[in-house]
Amino acid sequence: MSALIRLQEKITEWKQDHEALKQENAELKRQLENSAGSQHEQAAQIEALRSELAQKDAEIEKIIAQVEALLA
């Protein structure tokens, strides 16, 4: 009977370990999803900043052209 009791204890232990691993896996999935969302937000922000930079560059070029026209 002692072998049966040890087997039952081992099965119970494995079930607990399995549940803990499932919870850890779920938490890791949540973290991964949050990370992916954050990366998308950062990429969108970078793209917006690049667009703004391009607009500023165009404005600077326009001002330089106007100054050159005045000096000519």
N, C-alpha and C. Protein backbone atom coordinates (compact mmCIF):
# COMPACT_ATOMS: atom_id res chain seq x y z
N MET A 1 0.81 -1.20 0.00
CA MET A 1 0.00 0.00 0.00
C MET A 1 0.85 1.26 0.00
N SER A 2 2.00 1.18 0.57
CA SER A 2 2.85 2.36 0.65
C SER A 2 3.24 2.84 -0.75
N ALA A 3 3.44 1.94 -1.70
CA ALA A 3 3.77 2.33 -3.07
C ALA A 3 2.59 3.06 -3.70
N LEU A 4 1.39 2.60 -3.43
CA LEU A 4 0.19 3.26 -3.97
C LEU A 4 0.05 4.66 -3.39
N ILE A 5 0.31 4.82 -2.13
CA ILE A 5 0.22 6.14 -1.49
C ILE A 5 1.27 7.08 -2.07
N ARG A 6 2.48 6.58 -2.25
CA ARG A 6 3.54 7.41 -2.85
C ARG A 6 3.17 7.81 -4.27
N LEU A 7 2.59 6.87 -5.01
CA LEU A 7 2.16 7.16 -6.38
C LEU A 7 1.08 8.24 -6.39
N GLN A 8 0.13 8.15 -5.47
CA GLN A 8 -0.92 9.16 -5.38
C GLN A 8 -0.34 10.52 -5.01
N GLU A 9 0.61 10.52 -4.10
CA GLU A 9 1.26 11.77 -3.71
C GLU A 9 2.01 12.38 -4.89
N LYS A 10 2.69 11.53 -5.65
CA LYS A 10 3.44 12.00 -6.81
C LYS A 10 2.49 12.57 -7.86
N ILE A 11 1.37 11.90 -8.08
CA ILE A 11 0.37 12.38 -9.04
C ILE A 11 -0.17 13.74 -8.59
N THR A 12 -0.46 13.87 -7.32
CA THR A 12 -0.95 15.13 -6.78
C THR A 12 0.09 16.23 -6.97
N GLU A 13 1.33 15.90 -6.70
CA GLU A 13 2.42 16.86 -6.87
C GLU A 13 2.54 17.29 -8.34
N TRP A 14 2.44 16.34 -9.26
CA TRP A 14 2.53 16.65 -10.68
C TRP A 14 1.36 17.52 -11.13
N LYS A 15 0.18 17.24 -10.58
CA LYS A 15 -0.99 18.07 -10.92
C LYS A 15 -0.76 19.51 -10.47
N GLN A 16 -0.23 19.68 -9.27
CA GLN A 16 0.05 21.02 -8.76
C GLN A 16 1.11 21.71 -9.61
N ASP A 17 2.15 20.98 -9.96
CA ASP A 17 3.19 21.55 -10.82
C ASP A 17 2.62 21.94 -12.18
N HIS A 18 1.75 21.08 -12.70
CA HIS A 18 1.13 21.34 -14.00
C HIS A 18 0.29 22.62 -13.93
N GLU A 19 -0.49 22.79 -12.88
CA GLU A 19 -1.32 23.99 -12.72
C GLU A 19 -0.44 25.23 -12.60
N ALA A 20 0.65 25.11 -11.84
CA ALA A 20 1.56 26.25 -11.69
C ALA A 20 2.18 26.62 -13.03
N LEU A 21 2.55 25.62 -13.82
CA LEU A 21 3.13 25.88 -15.13
C LEU A 21 2.11 26.51 -16.07
N LYS A 22 0.85 26.07 -15.98
CA LYS A 22 -0.19 26.67 -16.82
C LYS A 22 -0.38 28.14 -16.47
N GLN A 23 -0.37 28.46 -15.18
CA GLN A 23 -0.52 29.84 -14.76
C GLN A 23 0.68 30.69 -15.21
N GLU A 24 1.86 30.14 -15.07
CA GLU A 24 3.06 30.84 -15.51
C GLU A 24 3.03 31.08 -17.02
N ASN A 25 2.59 30.08 -17.76
CA ASN A 25 2.48 30.19 -19.21
C ASN A 25 1.48 31.28 -19.59
N ALA A 26 0.36 31.32 -18.90
CA ALA A 26 -0.65 32.35 -19.18
C ALA A 26 -0.09 33.74 -18.89
N GLU A 27 0.66 33.89 -17.81
CA GLU A 27 1.26 35.17 -17.47
C GLU A 27 2.29 35.58 -18.53
N LEU A 28 3.08 34.64 -18.97
CA LEU A 28 4.07 34.94 -20.00
C LEU A 28 3.40 35.34 -21.32
N LYS A 29 2.29 34.70 -21.65
CA LYS A 29 1.54 35.08 -22.85
C LYS A 29 1.02 36.50 -22.74
N ARG A 30 0.51 36.86 -21.55
CA ARG A 30 0.02 38.23 -21.33
C ARG A 30 1.16 39.24 -21.50
N GLN A 31 2.31 38.91 -20.92
CA GLN A 31 3.46 39.80 -21.03
C GLN A 31 3.89 39.96 -22.49
N LEU A 32 3.87 38.86 -23.22
CA LEU A 32 4.25 38.90 -24.64
C LEU A 32 3.28 39.75 -25.44
N GLU A 33 1.99 39.61 -25.17
CA GLU A 33 0.98 40.41 -25.87
C GLU A 33 1.16 41.89 -25.54
N ASN A 34 1.43 42.20 -24.28
CA ASN A 34 1.65 43.59 -23.88
C ASN A 34 2.89 44.15 -24.57
N SER A 35 3.91 43.34 -24.66
CA SER A 35 5.15 43.76 -25.31
C SER A 35 4.92 44.03 -26.79
N ALA A 36 4.17 43.15 -27.43
CA ALA A 36 3.87 43.33 -28.86
C ALA A 36 3.06 44.61 -29.06
N GLY A 37 2.10 44.84 -28.20
CA GLY A 37 1.30 46.07 -28.30
C GLY A 37 2.16 47.30 -28.11
N SER A 38 3.07 47.22 -27.17
CA SER A 38 3.97 48.34 -26.91
C SER A 38 4.87 48.59 -28.11
N GLN A 39 5.34 47.53 -28.75
CA GLN A 39 6.18 47.68 -29.93
C GLN A 39 5.41 48.35 -31.06
N HIS A 40 4.14 47.99 -31.22
CA HIS A 40 3.33 48.61 -32.27
C HIS A 40 3.14 50.11 -31.98
N GLU A 41 2.92 50.43 -30.72
CA GLU A 41 2.75 51.83 -30.35
C GLU A 41 4.04 52.61 -30.61
N GLN A 42 5.17 52.02 -30.26
CA GLN A 42 6.45 52.68 -30.48
C GLN A 42 6.72 52.86 -31.97
N ALA A 43 6.39 51.85 -32.75
CA ALA A 43 6.59 51.95 -34.20
C ALA A 43 5.72 53.06 -34.78
N ALA A 44 4.50 53.17 -34.32
CA ALA A 44 3.60 54.23 -34.80
C ALA A 44 4.14 55.60 -34.39
N GLN A 45 4.64 55.69 -33.18
CA GLN A 45 5.20 56.96 -32.70
C GLN A 45 6.44 57.34 -33.51
N ILE A 46 7.29 56.37 -33.80
CA ILE A 46 8.49 56.63 -34.61
C ILE A 46 8.09 57.11 -35.99
N GLU A 47 7.10 56.46 -36.58
CA GLU A 47 6.63 56.86 -37.92
C GLU A 47 6.08 58.28 -37.89
N ALA A 48 5.33 58.63 -36.85
CA ALA A 48 4.79 59.98 -36.73
C ALA A 48 5.92 61.00 -36.60
N LEU A 49 6.94 60.67 -35.83
CA LEU A 49 8.07 61.58 -35.67
C LEU A 49 8.85 61.74 -36.96
N ARG A 50 8.99 60.65 -37.70
CA ARG A 50 9.68 60.73 -39.00
C ARG A 50 8.91 61.63 -39.96
N SER A 51 7.60 61.49 -39.96
CA SER A 51 6.76 62.32 -40.81
C SER A 51 6.90 63.79 -40.42
N GLU A 52 6.86 64.06 -39.14
CA GLU A 52 7.03 65.43 -38.65
C GLU A 52 8.40 65.98 -39.03
N LEU A 53 9.42 65.16 -38.92
CA LEU A 53 10.77 65.58 -39.30
C LEU A 53 10.85 65.92 -40.79
N ALA A 54 10.20 65.11 -41.61
CA ALA A 54 10.18 65.37 -43.06
C ALA A 54 9.49 66.69 -43.35
N GLN A 55 8.41 66.97 -42.63
CA GLN A 55 7.70 68.24 -42.83
C GLN A 55 8.58 69.42 -42.42
N LYS A 56 9.27 69.27 -41.31
CA LYS A 56 10.16 70.33 -40.83
C LYS A 56 11.30 70.56 -41.83
N ASP A 57 11.84 69.47 -42.35
CA ASP A 57 12.90 69.59 -43.36
C ASP A 57 12.40 70.35 -44.59
N ALA A 58 11.19 70.04 -45.02
CA ALA A 58 10.61 70.73 -46.18
C ALA A 58 10.44 72.22 -45.88
N GLU A 59 9.99 72.55 -44.67
CA GLU A 59 9.83 73.95 -44.29
C GLU A 59 11.18 74.67 -44.28
N ILE A 60 12.20 74.01 -43.76
CA ILE A 60 13.54 74.60 -43.73
C ILE A 60 14.05 74.84 -45.14
N GLU A 61 13.86 73.87 -46.01
CA GLU A 61 14.29 74.03 -47.41
C GLU A 61 13.57 75.20 -48.06
N LYS A 62 12.30 75.35 -47.76
CA LYS A 62 11.51 76.45 -48.33
C LYS A 62 12.04 77.79 -47.83
N ILE A 63 12.35 77.89 -46.55
CA ILE A 63 12.89 79.12 -45.97
C ILE A 63 14.26 79.43 -46.58
N ILE A 64 15.10 78.41 -46.73
CA ILE A 64 16.41 78.61 -47.33
C ILE A 64 16.27 79.13 -48.76
N ALA A 65 15.34 78.58 -49.50
CA ALA A 65 15.11 79.04 -50.88
C ALA A 65 14.66 80.49 -50.89
N GLN A 66 13.81 80.89 -49.94
CA GLN A 66 13.34 82.26 -49.87
C GLN A 66 14.49 83.21 -49.52
N VAL A 67 15.34 82.80 -48.59
CA VAL A 67 16.48 83.63 -48.20
C VAL A 67 17.42 83.78 -49.38
N GLU A 68 17.70 82.69 -50.09
CA GLU A 68 18.57 82.74 -51.26
C GLU A 68 17.98 83.67 -52.33
N ALA A 69 16.67 83.64 -52.50
CA ALA A 69 16.02 84.49 -53.48
C ALA A 69 16.16 85.97 -53.07
N LEU A 70 16.07 86.25 -51.79
CA LEU A 70 16.22 87.63 -51.31
C LEU A 70 17.65 88.12 -51.48
N LEU A 71 18.60 87.22 -51.30
CA LEU A 71 20.01 87.62 -51.39
C LEU A 71 20.48 87.73 -52.84
N ALA A 72 19.76 87.15 -53.76
CA ALA A 72 20.18 87.16 -55.16
C ALA A 72 19.89 88.45 -55.86
